[in-house]
Protein backbone atom coordinates (compact mmCIF):
# COMPACT_ATOMS: atom_id res chain seq x y z
CA UNK A 1 265.76 -73.60 96.90
CA UNK A 2 265.77 -70.49 94.87
CA UNK A 3 261.88 -68.88 94.66
CA UNK A 4 260.61 -67.68 91.16
CA UNK A 5 258.83 -64.76 90.69
CA UNK A 6 257.36 -63.03 87.13
CA UNK A 7 256.79 -59.32 86.84
CA UNK A 8 254.20 -58.87 84.24
CA UNK A 9 252.25 -55.82 85.14
CA UNK A 10 252.99 -53.79 81.92
CA UNK A 11 252.96 -49.90 82.98
CA UNK A 12 255.07 -46.72 81.27
CA UNK A 13 258.47 -46.95 83.20
CA UNK A 14 259.31 -44.15 86.10
CA UNK A 15 261.07 -41.11 85.14
CA UNK A 16 263.64 -42.73 87.65
CA UNK A 17 264.21 -46.18 86.13
CA UNK A 18 265.04 -44.29 82.56
CA UNK A 19 267.41 -41.84 84.74
CA UNK A 20 268.99 -44.41 86.16
CA UNK A 21 269.85 -46.77 82.77
CA UNK A 22 270.70 -43.44 81.61
CA UNK A 23 273.29 -42.55 84.61
CA UNK A 24 274.85 -45.72 84.24
CA UNK A 25 275.29 -45.44 80.54
CA UNK A 26 276.64 -42.18 80.81
CA UNK A 27 279.31 -43.20 83.68
CA UNK A 28 280.54 -46.18 81.90
CA UNK A 29 281.18 -44.23 78.46
CA UNK A 30 283.08 -41.47 80.81
CA UNK A 31 285.47 -43.81 81.36
CA UNK A 32 287.21 -43.61 78.06
CA UNK A 33 287.79 -40.01 78.02
CA UNK A 34 289.34 -39.76 81.30
CA UNK A 35 291.25 -42.88 80.99
CA UNK A 36 292.51 -41.74 77.41
CA UNK A 37 293.96 -38.30 78.50
CA UNK A 38 295.79 -39.10 81.86
CA UNK A 39 297.03 -42.79 81.46
CA UNK A 40 299.90 -44.01 78.81
CA UNK A 41 299.03 -47.47 76.96
CA UNK A 42 299.99 -49.57 80.14
CA UNK A 43 297.90 -47.59 82.39
CA UNK A 44 300.65 -45.82 84.27
CA UNK A 45 299.73 -42.18 85.06
CA UNK A 46 301.09 -39.36 82.85
CA UNK A 47 302.87 -37.88 85.72
CA UNK A 48 306.33 -37.04 87.41
CA UNK A 49 309.30 -39.23 87.74
CA UNK A 50 309.18 -39.10 91.57
CA UNK A 51 307.70 -38.96 94.07
CA UNK A 52 309.34 -39.21 97.70
CA UNK A 53 307.76 -39.66 101.22
CA UNK A 54 305.23 -42.01 102.49
CA UNK A 55 302.27 -40.19 101.03
CA UNK A 56 300.46 -40.68 97.93
CA UNK A 57 299.94 -44.24 96.91
CA UNK A 58 296.15 -44.22 97.99
CA UNK A 59 294.86 -41.70 96.19
CA UNK A 60 295.39 -42.77 92.61
CA UNK A 61 293.66 -46.18 93.64
CA UNK A 62 290.79 -43.73 94.73
CA UNK A 63 290.77 -41.93 90.94
CA UNK A 64 289.53 -45.46 89.74
CA UNK A 65 287.62 -47.48 92.36
CA UNK A 66 284.57 -46.44 91.13
CA UNK A 67 285.10 -48.36 88.32
CA UNK A 68 284.97 -51.73 89.77
CA UNK A 69 281.98 -50.60 91.86
CA UNK A 70 279.31 -49.22 88.73
CA UNK A 71 279.91 -52.57 87.13
CA UNK A 72 278.40 -54.34 90.39
CA UNK A 73 275.65 -52.42 89.66
CA UNK A 74 275.53 -53.51 86.11
CA UNK A 75 277.73 -51.58 83.80
CA UNK A 76 279.50 -52.90 80.94
CA UNK A 77 282.05 -55.62 81.93
CA UNK A 78 284.86 -53.66 80.03
CA UNK A 79 284.97 -51.04 83.22
CA UNK A 80 285.61 -54.35 85.36
CA UNK A 81 288.96 -55.00 83.42
CA UNK A 82 289.97 -51.37 83.54
CA UNK A 83 289.68 -51.00 87.01
CA UNK A 84 292.41 -54.48 87.25
CA UNK A 85 294.38 -53.06 84.19
CA UNK A 86 294.80 -49.72 86.16
CA UNK A 87 295.76 -51.37 90.17
CA UNK A 88 297.93 -53.03 88.47
CA UNK A 89 299.78 -49.70 86.71
CA UNK A 90 299.57 -47.94 89.62
CA UNK A 91 301.03 -50.50 92.15
CA UNK A 92 303.50 -50.59 89.50
CA UNK A 93 303.79 -47.16 89.22
CA UNK A 94 304.28 -46.60 93.17
CA UNK A 95 306.56 -49.26 93.75
CA UNK A 96 308.83 -47.80 91.56
CA UNK A 97 308.84 -44.19 93.75
CA UNK A 98 308.93 -46.21 96.58
CA UNK A 99 305.34 -46.20 98.29
CA UNK A 100 304.79 -49.80 97.78
CA UNK A 101 306.20 -52.78 98.60
CA UNK A 102 304.79 -56.67 97.98
CA UNK A 103 302.31 -54.57 96.17
CA UNK A 104 300.65 -53.09 99.20
CA UNK A 105 301.72 -49.67 100.83
CA UNK A 106 304.97 -50.15 102.25
CA UNK A 107 304.03 -48.20 105.72
CA UNK A 108 301.04 -45.17 106.36
CA UNK A 109 298.32 -44.81 107.90
CA UNK A 110 294.82 -46.48 108.11
CA UNK A 111 292.92 -43.28 106.95
CA UNK A 112 294.93 -43.83 104.30
CA UNK A 113 294.95 -47.37 103.85
CA UNK A 114 291.26 -47.61 104.09
CA UNK A 115 290.73 -44.57 101.01
CA UNK A 116 292.95 -46.78 98.90
CA UNK A 117 291.56 -49.98 99.20
CA UNK A 118 288.75 -49.80 98.97
CA UNK A 119 288.64 -50.51 95.68
CA UNK A 120 289.84 -54.49 96.41
CA UNK A 121 286.70 -54.46 98.39
CA UNK A 122 285.03 -53.81 95.07
CA UNK A 123 286.79 -56.40 93.38
CA UNK A 124 285.74 -59.05 95.42
CA UNK A 125 282.01 -57.96 94.75
CA UNK A 126 282.64 -57.82 91.26
CA UNK A 127 284.82 -61.62 90.65
CA UNK A 128 285.37 -63.13 93.72
CA UNK A 129 286.76 -65.76 91.15
CA UNK A 130 289.32 -64.02 90.05
CA UNK A 131 292.55 -65.76 91.55
CA UNK A 132 295.15 -62.71 91.92
CA UNK A 133 292.75 -60.62 93.56
CA UNK A 134 291.86 -63.37 95.75
CA UNK A 135 295.29 -64.31 96.49
CA UNK A 136 296.34 -60.78 97.06
CA UNK A 137 293.45 -60.78 99.66
CA UNK A 138 294.69 -63.21 101.34
CA UNK A 139 298.41 -61.83 101.67
CA UNK A 140 297.30 -58.56 102.62
CA UNK A 141 295.50 -59.97 105.24
CA UNK A 142 298.16 -61.88 106.38
CA UNK A 143 300.19 -58.98 106.90
CA UNK A 144 298.10 -58.11 109.67
CA UNK A 145 297.13 -61.07 111.56
CA UNK A 146 300.69 -62.06 111.78
CA UNK A 147 301.34 -64.50 109.06
CA UNK A 148 303.81 -62.53 107.06
CA UNK A 149 307.22 -62.53 108.57
CA UNK A 150 308.04 -59.95 107.24
CA UNK A 151 305.42 -57.38 108.39
CA UNK A 152 304.93 -57.90 111.70
CA UNK A 153 302.21 -55.34 112.60
CA UNK A 154 300.77 -56.99 115.14
CA UNK A 155 301.47 -58.50 118.47
CA UNK A 156 299.02 -61.29 119.43
CA UNK A 157 299.73 -60.82 123.27
CA UNK A 158 298.63 -57.98 123.54
CA UNK A 159 296.30 -57.84 120.56
CA UNK A 160 297.73 -54.60 118.79
CA UNK A 161 298.95 -53.61 115.81
CA UNK A 162 302.42 -52.17 116.86
CA UNK A 163 302.26 -48.91 115.04
CA UNK A 164 300.16 -46.51 113.06
CA UNK A 165 302.48 -46.16 110.65
CA UNK A 166 302.16 -49.89 109.29
CA UNK A 167 301.74 -51.90 105.79
CA UNK A 168 304.32 -54.13 104.05
CA UNK A 169 307.49 -53.65 105.95
CA UNK A 170 306.16 -53.98 109.50
CA UNK A 171 305.37 -51.28 112.31
CA UNK A 172 307.27 -47.86 110.82
CA UNK A 173 308.45 -46.73 114.54
CA UNK A 174 309.92 -43.28 113.61
CA UNK A 175 309.87 -41.47 111.15
CA UNK A 176 311.81 -39.29 108.86
CA UNK A 177 311.72 -36.05 107.29
CA UNK A 178 311.67 -36.95 103.71
CA UNK A 179 308.60 -39.40 104.74
CA UNK A 180 306.56 -36.38 105.31
CA UNK A 181 308.25 -33.81 102.56
CA UNK A 182 305.35 -34.19 100.19
CA UNK A 183 302.52 -33.13 102.26
CA UNK A 184 303.87 -31.05 104.62
CA UNK A 185 302.72 -27.93 103.44
CA UNK A 186 299.23 -29.81 103.68
CA UNK A 187 299.54 -29.33 107.38
CA UNK A 188 299.99 -26.30 107.51
CA UNK A 189 296.42 -25.56 107.47
CA UNK A 190 296.18 -28.08 110.22
CA UNK A 191 295.89 -27.42 114.00
CA UNK A 192 299.40 -27.88 116.09
CA UNK A 193 299.91 -31.62 116.65
CA UNK A 194 300.57 -30.63 120.28
CA UNK A 195 300.28 -27.90 122.53
CA UNK A 196 303.58 -27.70 124.02
CA UNK A 197 305.70 -27.68 121.53
CA UNK A 198 308.80 -25.85 122.16
CA UNK A 199 308.74 -22.25 121.69
CA UNK A 200 305.68 -22.71 120.25
CA UNK A 201 303.54 -23.60 123.54
CA UNK A 202 299.54 -23.11 122.32
CA UNK A 203 297.67 -24.12 125.22
CA UNK A 204 295.89 -20.67 125.71
CA UNK A 205 294.77 -21.61 121.87
CA UNK A 206 293.85 -25.16 120.92
CA UNK A 207 292.61 -24.13 117.35
CA UNK A 208 296.38 -22.79 117.15
CA UNK A 209 298.11 -24.07 113.55
CA UNK A 210 302.06 -24.03 112.99
CA UNK A 211 304.08 -23.87 110.02
CA UNK A 212 305.35 -26.92 109.04
CA UNK A 213 306.91 -25.86 106.03
CA UNK A 214 309.37 -23.90 108.04
CA UNK A 215 312.14 -26.42 108.71
CA UNK A 216 313.09 -25.09 112.39
CA UNK A 217 309.37 -25.69 113.62
CA UNK A 218 309.24 -28.95 111.48
CA UNK A 219 312.03 -30.36 113.50
CA UNK A 220 310.63 -29.60 116.90
CA UNK A 221 307.09 -31.44 115.63
CA UNK A 222 309.05 -34.20 113.99
CA UNK A 223 310.81 -35.12 117.47
CA UNK A 224 307.65 -35.08 119.25
CA UNK A 225 305.60 -37.22 116.90
CA UNK A 226 308.43 -39.24 117.08
CA UNK A 227 308.67 -39.38 120.81
CA UNK A 228 305.01 -39.76 121.42
CA UNK A 229 302.44 -40.92 118.10
CA UNK A 230 304.38 -43.53 116.19
CA UNK A 231 305.07 -46.36 118.19
CA UNK A 232 301.80 -48.40 119.74
CA UNK A 233 298.14 -48.54 119.10
CA UNK A 234 295.57 -46.14 117.89
CA UNK A 235 291.65 -46.63 117.25
CA UNK A 236 292.73 -45.94 113.13
CA UNK A 237 293.80 -48.89 112.54
CA UNK A 238 290.44 -50.38 113.28
CA UNK A 239 290.05 -49.73 109.90
CA UNK A 240 291.93 -52.78 109.21
CA UNK A 241 289.41 -54.79 110.34
CA UNK A 242 287.44 -54.53 106.67
CA UNK A 243 290.93 -55.66 105.48
CA UNK A 244 290.43 -59.10 107.01
CA UNK A 245 287.10 -59.30 106.57
CA UNK A 246 287.86 -59.54 102.61
CA UNK A 247 289.48 -62.33 102.88
CA UNK A 248 287.08 -63.79 105.39
CA UNK A 249 284.65 -63.50 102.78
CA UNK A 250 286.80 -64.66 99.88
CA UNK A 251 287.38 -67.90 101.81
CA UNK A 252 285.04 -68.31 105.20
CA UNK A 253 288.79 -69.40 107.22
CA UNK A 254 287.64 -68.87 110.70
CA UNK A 255 291.68 -67.10 112.00
CA UNK A 256 289.94 -63.98 109.85
CA UNK A 257 286.93 -64.04 111.57
CA UNK A 258 288.30 -64.51 115.05
CA UNK A 259 291.20 -61.95 114.28
CA UNK A 260 288.92 -59.13 113.61
CA UNK A 261 286.76 -60.00 116.91
CA UNK A 262 290.02 -60.49 118.90
CA UNK A 263 291.16 -56.92 118.05
CA UNK A 264 287.91 -55.26 118.00
CA UNK A 265 286.91 -56.87 121.31
CA UNK A 266 290.59 -55.30 123.02
CA UNK A 267 289.41 -52.19 121.81
CA UNK A 268 286.68 -52.91 123.86
CA UNK A 269 288.67 -53.56 126.79
CA UNK A 270 290.67 -50.33 126.99
CA UNK A 271 287.42 -48.24 126.28
CA UNK A 272 285.99 -50.24 129.80
CA UNK A 273 289.44 -49.24 131.34
CA UNK A 274 289.91 -45.31 130.11
CA UNK A 275 286.17 -45.29 132.16
CA UNK A 276 283.98 -45.73 128.89
CA UNK A 277 285.69 -43.66 126.62
CA UNK A 278 287.98 -44.92 123.55
CA UNK A 279 291.57 -43.80 124.09
CA UNK A 280 293.43 -42.65 121.35
CA UNK A 281 296.87 -44.15 122.19
CA UNK A 282 298.29 -47.77 123.35
CA UNK A 283 301.76 -47.94 123.66
CA UNK A 284 303.25 -51.36 123.04
CA UNK A 285 303.40 -52.48 126.61
CA UNK A 286 299.38 -52.11 126.62
CA UNK A 287 299.33 -49.27 128.61
CA UNK A 288 296.67 -46.03 127.90
CA UNK A 289 299.00 -42.89 126.97
CA UNK A 290 302.36 -45.19 127.64
CA UNK A 291 304.72 -42.15 125.46
CA UNK A 292 302.30 -39.07 126.07
CA UNK A 293 302.58 -38.54 129.97
CA UNK A 294 299.64 -41.27 130.88
CA UNK A 295 297.43 -39.10 128.77
CA UNK A 296 294.46 -41.09 126.66
CA UNK A 297 294.81 -38.05 123.94
CA UNK A 298 296.73 -37.12 122.02
CA UNK A 299 297.41 -40.26 119.38
CA UNK A 300 297.83 -39.88 115.97
CA UNK A 301 294.76 -39.25 113.94
CA UNK A 302 293.02 -39.13 117.52
CA UNK A 303 291.02 -36.08 119.09
CA UNK A 304 292.96 -33.37 118.82
CA UNK A 305 295.29 -34.63 115.64
CA UNK A 306 294.69 -34.45 112.91
CA UNK A 307 290.62 -34.64 112.08
CA UNK A 308 289.77 -35.24 115.65
CA UNK A 309 287.21 -37.23 117.14
CA UNK A 310 285.22 -38.09 113.86
CA UNK A 311 288.20 -40.11 112.59
CA UNK A 312 288.01 -42.43 115.83
CA UNK A 313 284.24 -42.66 115.44
CA UNK A 314 284.46 -43.59 111.37
CA UNK A 315 287.06 -46.22 112.39
CA UNK A 316 285.30 -47.74 115.51
CA UNK A 317 281.85 -47.68 113.70
CA UNK A 318 283.41 -49.56 110.39
CA UNK A 319 284.84 -52.34 112.90
CA UNK A 320 281.53 -52.54 114.32
CA UNK A 321 280.05 -53.31 111.22
CA UNK A 322 282.14 -55.78 110.42
CA UNK A 323 281.97 -57.76 113.34
CA UNK A 324 277.94 -57.50 113.31
CA UNK A 325 278.62 -58.97 109.59
CA UNK A 326 280.59 -61.64 110.86
CA UNK A 327 278.42 -62.94 113.70
CA UNK A 328 274.99 -61.74 114.14
CA UNK A 329 275.42 -59.91 117.17
CA UNK A 330 274.25 -56.32 117.56
CA UNK A 331 276.39 -55.63 120.70
CA UNK A 332 278.86 -55.18 118.90
CA UNK A 333 277.65 -51.96 117.94
CA UNK A 334 277.65 -50.54 121.67
CA UNK A 335 280.71 -49.74 121.56
CA UNK A 336 280.58 -47.21 118.94
CA UNK A 337 276.91 -46.22 120.02
CA UNK A 338 278.62 -45.45 123.57
CA UNK A 339 280.77 -43.14 121.59
CA UNK A 340 278.29 -41.03 120.03
CA UNK A 341 276.33 -40.33 123.05
CA UNK A 342 279.10 -39.28 124.97
CA UNK A 343 280.04 -36.89 122.57
CA UNK A 344 276.24 -35.93 122.29
CA UNK A 345 275.89 -35.69 126.03
CA UNK A 346 278.35 -32.99 125.88
CA UNK A 347 276.60 -30.58 123.20
CA UNK A 348 275.34 -27.57 123.91
CA UNK A 349 273.59 -24.79 122.40
CA UNK A 350 275.66 -21.87 120.83
CA UNK A 351 273.94 -19.00 118.65
CA UNK A 352 270.65 -21.06 118.52
CA UNK A 353 272.36 -24.40 117.04
CA UNK A 354 273.51 -27.54 118.46
CA UNK A 355 277.12 -28.10 118.68
CA UNK A 356 279.17 -31.22 119.68
CA UNK A 357 282.96 -30.69 120.59
CA UNK A 358 285.09 -32.25 117.84
CA UNK A 359 288.18 -32.44 119.59
CA UNK A 360 289.69 -32.87 123.13
CA UNK A 361 292.98 -31.16 124.18
CA UNK A 362 295.21 -30.07 127.47
CA UNK A 363 292.58 -27.62 127.84
CA UNK A 364 289.61 -30.09 127.30
CA UNK A 365 287.03 -30.44 124.99
CA UNK A 366 287.06 -27.30 122.33
CA UNK A 367 286.03 -27.47 118.54
CA UNK A 368 282.66 -26.97 118.62
CA UNK A 369 280.25 -28.00 115.35
CA UNK A 370 277.20 -29.41 114.52
CA UNK A 371 277.01 -32.87 114.88
CA UNK A 372 277.66 -35.33 111.52
CA UNK A 373 274.46 -37.19 110.68
CA UNK A 374 276.48 -39.81 108.88
CA UNK A 375 277.39 -41.77 111.61
CA UNK A 376 274.31 -41.84 113.28
CA UNK A 377 272.29 -42.80 109.67
CA UNK A 378 274.74 -45.67 109.45
CA UNK A 379 274.29 -46.78 113.10
CA UNK A 380 270.30 -47.09 112.39
CA UNK A 381 271.18 -48.60 109.23
CA UNK A 382 272.47 -51.15 110.35
CA UNK A 383 270.43 -51.99 113.85
CA UNK A 384 267.47 -50.64 112.69
CA UNK A 385 266.70 -50.01 116.56
CA UNK A 386 264.02 -48.04 117.69
CA UNK A 387 266.37 -46.22 120.07
CA UNK A 388 268.92 -45.80 117.11
CA UNK A 389 266.17 -44.09 115.03
CA UNK A 390 265.23 -41.53 118.25
CA UNK A 391 269.13 -40.45 118.11
CA UNK A 392 268.73 -40.06 114.28
CA UNK A 393 265.20 -37.93 114.61
CA UNK A 394 266.83 -35.63 117.57
CA UNK A 395 269.05 -34.38 115.19
CA UNK A 396 267.97 -30.35 114.68
CA UNK A 397 268.15 -29.18 110.69
CA UNK A 398 266.64 -32.37 109.27
CA UNK A 399 264.28 -30.06 107.78
CA UNK A 400 267.10 -29.50 104.79
CA UNK A 401 268.12 -33.02 104.45
CA UNK A 402 265.81 -33.00 101.17
CA UNK A 403 267.74 -30.16 99.48
CA UNK A 404 271.08 -31.54 100.60
CA UNK A 405 273.36 -32.10 97.50
CA UNK A 406 275.16 -35.27 96.91
CA UNK A 407 279.05 -35.14 98.12
CA UNK A 408 281.64 -37.28 96.34
CA UNK A 409 284.36 -36.16 97.63
CA UNK A 410 288.14 -36.98 96.61
CA UNK A 411 286.34 -40.29 95.11
CA UNK A 412 283.10 -40.69 93.53
CA UNK A 413 281.63 -43.61 95.13
CA UNK A 414 279.66 -41.89 97.68
CA UNK A 415 276.49 -40.14 97.93
CA UNK A 416 275.20 -37.98 100.49
CA UNK A 417 273.24 -40.08 102.93
CA UNK A 418 271.27 -37.27 104.08
CA UNK A 419 268.69 -36.94 100.81
CA UNK A 420 268.31 -40.64 100.85
CA UNK A 421 267.52 -41.31 104.32
CA UNK A 422 264.97 -38.17 103.87
CA UNK A 423 263.60 -40.56 100.89
CA UNK A 424 263.43 -43.35 102.96
CA UNK A 425 261.70 -42.05 106.17
CA UNK A 426 258.97 -40.70 103.17
CA UNK A 427 260.15 -36.62 103.50
CA UNK A 428 262.00 -36.33 99.95
CA UNK A 429 259.66 -37.87 97.14
CA UNK A 430 262.11 -35.52 94.84
CA UNK A 431 265.09 -38.10 96.17
CA UNK A 432 265.40 -40.51 93.13
CA UNK A 433 265.33 -38.68 89.92
CA UNK A 434 266.92 -35.20 91.41
CA UNK A 435 269.56 -37.05 92.86
CA UNK A 436 270.61 -38.63 89.51
CA UNK A 437 270.11 -35.52 87.83
CA UNK A 438 272.58 -34.33 90.15
CA UNK A 439 274.73 -37.05 89.34
CA UNK A 440 274.75 -36.81 85.47
CA UNK A 441 275.61 -32.93 85.97
CA UNK A 442 278.64 -33.88 87.62
CA UNK A 443 279.94 -36.26 84.94
CA UNK A 444 279.55 -33.48 82.21
CA UNK A 445 281.47 -30.82 84.79
CA UNK A 446 284.08 -33.40 85.09
CA UNK A 447 284.05 -34.50 81.09
CA UNK A 448 284.46 -30.75 80.86
CA UNK A 449 287.47 -30.21 82.84
CA UNK A 450 289.21 -33.49 81.65
CA UNK A 451 289.01 -31.82 78.17
CA UNK A 452 290.66 -28.32 79.53
CA UNK A 453 293.46 -30.01 81.25
CA UNK A 454 297.03 -29.63 79.64
CA UNK A 455 298.63 -32.98 79.72
CA UNK A 456 302.17 -30.79 79.32
CA UNK A 457 300.92 -29.34 82.97
CA UNK A 458 301.20 -32.90 84.36
CA UNK A 459 304.35 -32.99 86.36
CA UNK A 460 303.15 -30.08 88.40
CA UNK A 461 299.80 -31.80 89.32
CA UNK A 462 299.13 -32.69 92.76
CA UNK A 463 298.19 -36.42 93.95
CA UNK A 464 294.61 -36.37 93.84
CA UNK A 465 294.39 -34.68 90.55
CA UNK A 466 292.76 -37.51 89.08
CA UNK A 467 289.78 -38.60 92.21
CA UNK A 468 288.82 -34.51 91.12
CA UNK A 469 287.91 -35.60 87.87
CA UNK A 470 287.04 -39.20 87.54
CA UNK A 471 283.39 -38.79 85.60
CA UNK A 472 282.58 -42.49 86.82
CA UNK A 473 280.25 -41.37 89.40
CA UNK A 474 277.71 -44.27 90.53
CA UNK A 475 276.50 -41.43 92.47
CA UNK A 476 273.16 -42.75 94.50
CA UNK A 477 272.69 -46.10 92.62
CA UNK A 478 274.38 -48.26 95.05
CA UNK A 479 271.34 -46.85 98.05
CA UNK A 480 268.54 -47.27 95.01
CA UNK A 481 269.19 -50.28 94.34
CA UNK A 482 271.13 -51.63 97.08
CA UNK A 483 270.10 -49.88 100.01
CA UNK A 484 273.65 -49.57 100.74
CA UNK A 485 275.24 -46.97 103.17
CA UNK A 486 278.92 -47.77 104.48
CA UNK A 487 281.47 -45.04 105.47
CA UNK A 488 284.31 -44.09 103.32
CA UNK A 489 287.75 -44.40 104.48
CA UNK A 490 287.87 -48.23 104.39
CA UNK A 491 284.54 -49.65 105.28
CA UNK A 492 282.77 -52.31 103.71
CA UNK A 493 279.58 -51.98 101.68
CA UNK A 494 276.49 -52.81 104.11
CA UNK A 495 272.95 -53.57 102.07
CA UNK A 496 269.96 -55.02 102.15
CA UNK A 497 270.24 -56.92 99.07
CA UNK A 498 272.37 -56.81 95.79
CA UNK A 499 271.40 -57.88 92.17
CA UNK A 500 272.72 -60.21 89.44
CA UNK A 501 272.04 -60.92 85.86
CA UNK A 502 270.67 -64.57 85.82
CA UNK A 503 271.54 -64.67 81.96
CA UNK A 504 274.40 -63.68 81.97
CA UNK A 505 275.91 -65.14 85.10
CA UNK A 506 277.48 -61.76 86.09
CA UNK A 507 276.90 -58.62 89.02
CA UNK A 508 274.36 -55.91 88.90
CA UNK A 509 271.26 -55.47 87.33
CA UNK A 510 270.70 -57.16 83.68
CA UNK A 511 270.19 -54.67 80.90
CA UNK A 512 266.98 -52.06 80.42
CA UNK A 513 266.19 -53.35 84.31
CA UNK A 514 266.19 -50.49 87.16
CA UNK A 515 265.31 -50.97 90.83
CA UNK A 516 264.40 -48.85 93.89
CA UNK A 517 264.22 -49.36 97.36
CA UNK A 518 261.55 -47.32 98.47
CA UNK A 519 261.46 -48.52 102.17
CA UNK A 520 263.87 -50.38 104.73
CA UNK A 521 262.39 -51.77 108.03
CA UNK A 522 263.69 -53.92 110.73
CA UNK A 523 262.58 -56.51 108.94
CA UNK A 524 261.31 -55.62 105.79
CA UNK A 525 262.44 -54.37 102.33
CA UNK A 526 259.91 -52.50 100.21
CA UNK A 527 261.26 -51.80 96.27
CA UNK A 528 259.74 -51.74 92.64
CA UNK A 529 262.13 -53.35 89.68
CA UNK A 530 261.54 -52.65 86.39
CA UNK A 531 262.05 -53.84 82.73
CA UNK A 532 263.01 -50.64 80.59
CA UNK A 533 262.86 -52.77 77.65
CA UNK A 534 261.45 -54.31 75.16
CA UNK A 535 262.68 -57.62 75.56
CA UNK A 536 262.21 -60.66 78.60
CA UNK A 537 265.07 -60.41 81.13
CA UNK A 538 265.93 -62.52 84.47
CA UNK A 539 267.40 -61.04 87.60
CA UNK A 540 268.66 -62.75 90.92
CA UNK A 541 267.95 -60.67 93.63
CA UNK A 542 270.13 -61.51 96.69
CA UNK A 543 269.70 -60.98 100.48
CA UNK A 544 272.35 -58.88 101.83
CA UNK A 545 275.31 -57.53 100.13
CA UNK A 546 277.17 -60.94 100.74
CA UNK A 547 274.17 -63.33 101.21
CA UNK A 548 274.30 -63.02 104.76
CA UNK A 549 270.50 -61.93 105.07
CA UNK A 550 267.11 -64.43 104.52
CA UNK A 551 264.40 -63.59 102.97
CA UNK A 552 261.27 -65.27 104.75
CA UNK A 553 257.82 -64.08 102.46
CA UNK A 554 257.13 -61.93 99.70
CA UNK A 555 254.31 -59.88 98.40
CA UNK A 556 254.02 -58.85 94.80
CA UNK A 557 252.33 -55.45 94.06
CA UNK A 558 249.86 -56.01 96.94
CA UNK A 559 248.79 -59.29 96.35
CA UNK A 560 249.02 -62.03 99.01
CA UNK A 561 251.95 -62.85 100.56
CA UNK A 562 254.28 -66.02 99.44
CA UNK A 563 256.03 -67.84 102.32
CA UNK A 564 259.29 -68.52 101.94
CA UNK A 565 263.12 -69.04 102.95
CA UNK A 566 265.62 -68.36 100.90
CA UNK A 567 268.85 -66.11 100.39
CA UNK A 568 267.88 -65.60 96.58
CA UNK A 569 264.85 -64.86 94.49
CA UNK A 570 264.78 -65.20 90.85
CA UNK A 571 262.93 -62.45 88.86
CA UNK A 572 261.35 -62.97 85.31
CA UNK A 573 260.52 -60.01 83.19
CA UNK A 574 258.09 -59.42 80.07
CA UNK A 575 258.80 -56.35 78.20
CA UNK A 576 258.04 -53.28 79.94
CA UNK A 577 257.03 -55.10 83.36
CA UNK A 578 257.48 -53.85 86.61
CA UNK A 579 256.59 -55.33 90.26
CA UNK A 580 256.76 -54.03 93.67
CA UNK A 581 257.91 -56.37 96.36
CA UNK A 582 257.47 -55.99 100.32
CA UNK A 583 260.26 -58.73 101.36
CA UNK A 584 260.42 -59.81 104.75
CA UNK A 585 263.53 -61.31 106.01
CA UNK A 586 265.73 -61.97 108.62
CA UNK A 587 268.59 -60.07 108.89
CA UNK A 588 272.93 -61.49 109.67
CA UNK A 589 271.50 -65.26 109.60
CA UNK A 590 273.78 -66.61 107.02
CA UNK A 591 278.08 -66.86 106.45
CA UNK A 592 278.68 -63.89 104.53
CA UNK A 593 280.66 -64.73 101.51
CA UNK A 594 281.75 -63.05 98.06
CA UNK A 595 280.44 -65.85 96.27
CA UNK A 596 277.90 -65.34 93.68
CA UNK A 597 274.55 -67.07 94.32
CA UNK A 598 275.24 -69.68 91.46
CA UNK A 599 278.34 -70.71 92.98
CA UNK A 600 277.53 -70.70 97.22
CA UNK A 601 277.14 -73.96 98.66
């Protein structure tokens, strides 16, 4: 049974509520000039005629992933239609280029798969009953669990993915110069992948860079990459657990759940075998360092190259979060927690600042920098344990968190978690309004860039052009409305609650409604919901993004709490009414599903 609540306290709407509504409308309107400038009538990008190599298909998907996410928060349905139009058009276009096969990237790594395919997870949140989306989700998962005979990425006996480069054509065990052709210039700015490249040994300075655009140097690098990096499993592949969890959220089929847990547990075993540090390369026989002289470092997107351990951390923490979602077992967080502790315990003070190593190579740990708070923030968001809170509170420089700007990066679906967490700790009262204002400023800036673009120059644009200009920016709305956090490269959204329009039977807050999560505790969430308009509205509040949590009691505007046992609440708003809710809850007690509340069995 769904408890019914009435919001009858009439009061002027808070400034943050009006700004939320303004942001939703402003971001939704920005879609048309963006689409109109950069796409043809069929949705394809106005760009170049050819695009070789294995890089790039993720980037245009990222340029439109904000559309379905904003729709799930309450924006007009047109955004969801445009998102699917763009997904289909980009898939056709990059199939013609050669990167995509059977509607999925033919072969690339899971940092890029994770970026590009976040959009399909938002499709699941937006409309789990779209048959094309559902069928794709199952086909894509089949490529990784061994059910697709053309994409044999999975070794079920050894529980490993056979290459860091994988996709709809299966593992890419050997790469060619053409595979790297479109992004060799990017790697000019990265560290050399090895310290013993013949003729260019860099042991004396592990931070040395080499010119991939130099054909002689590149030929030597490519030879070593094919010898050492392209065969076998890497931690980055843990991001594939989100793709398989996505299939589970559509179906509830236990084969997807079992695969996610089996694969994660294989990495737990490899970490124990490597004395507590997750290795970054596993050979096809299952042996650590099989193609790398027995070294546990030196793998693709591993401890040395190209971004260091943070890429490993992102994939590992995202996969652990999936396991927690699927089981309710918090012990799955022990693996990423142990790796964060390992790096933290290596830290030292340099020039008055605490720094930790971000890379490991033949000469040991190097690349000392301040630790990244986002991993500890998500870990605590998931666990809500006192121990993880203590880890988070030990960060120096926390006094700067309230003033941190939003970070939208290449794709605008995320907002910086540091000012948000400071708000939840009661240390950043300006966060709601300031973050919304900043996001609207960014929309204006991007619209100006769009207007200034000369479309005749499109063939010379790089593959990130659209991401950098996407003006459909949800900004902090996921944090404020859902109490949500996640990592960018292929992580599912993990939220305390989610809103639906009870009258229109669609996801997101109803028209005129705004919501602000004010406090998140282990078993309690406190939020204020506001009807800014002149009409009655009815909303449904779900416990968790996927109905995985349970509401236990509700306190409205400080009145006596009422006991419930439900995964959804229905709120009826009088015109200009608002309510402050303090809701007790038990987390991770139910089967997670994309199903809407009125269709959940």
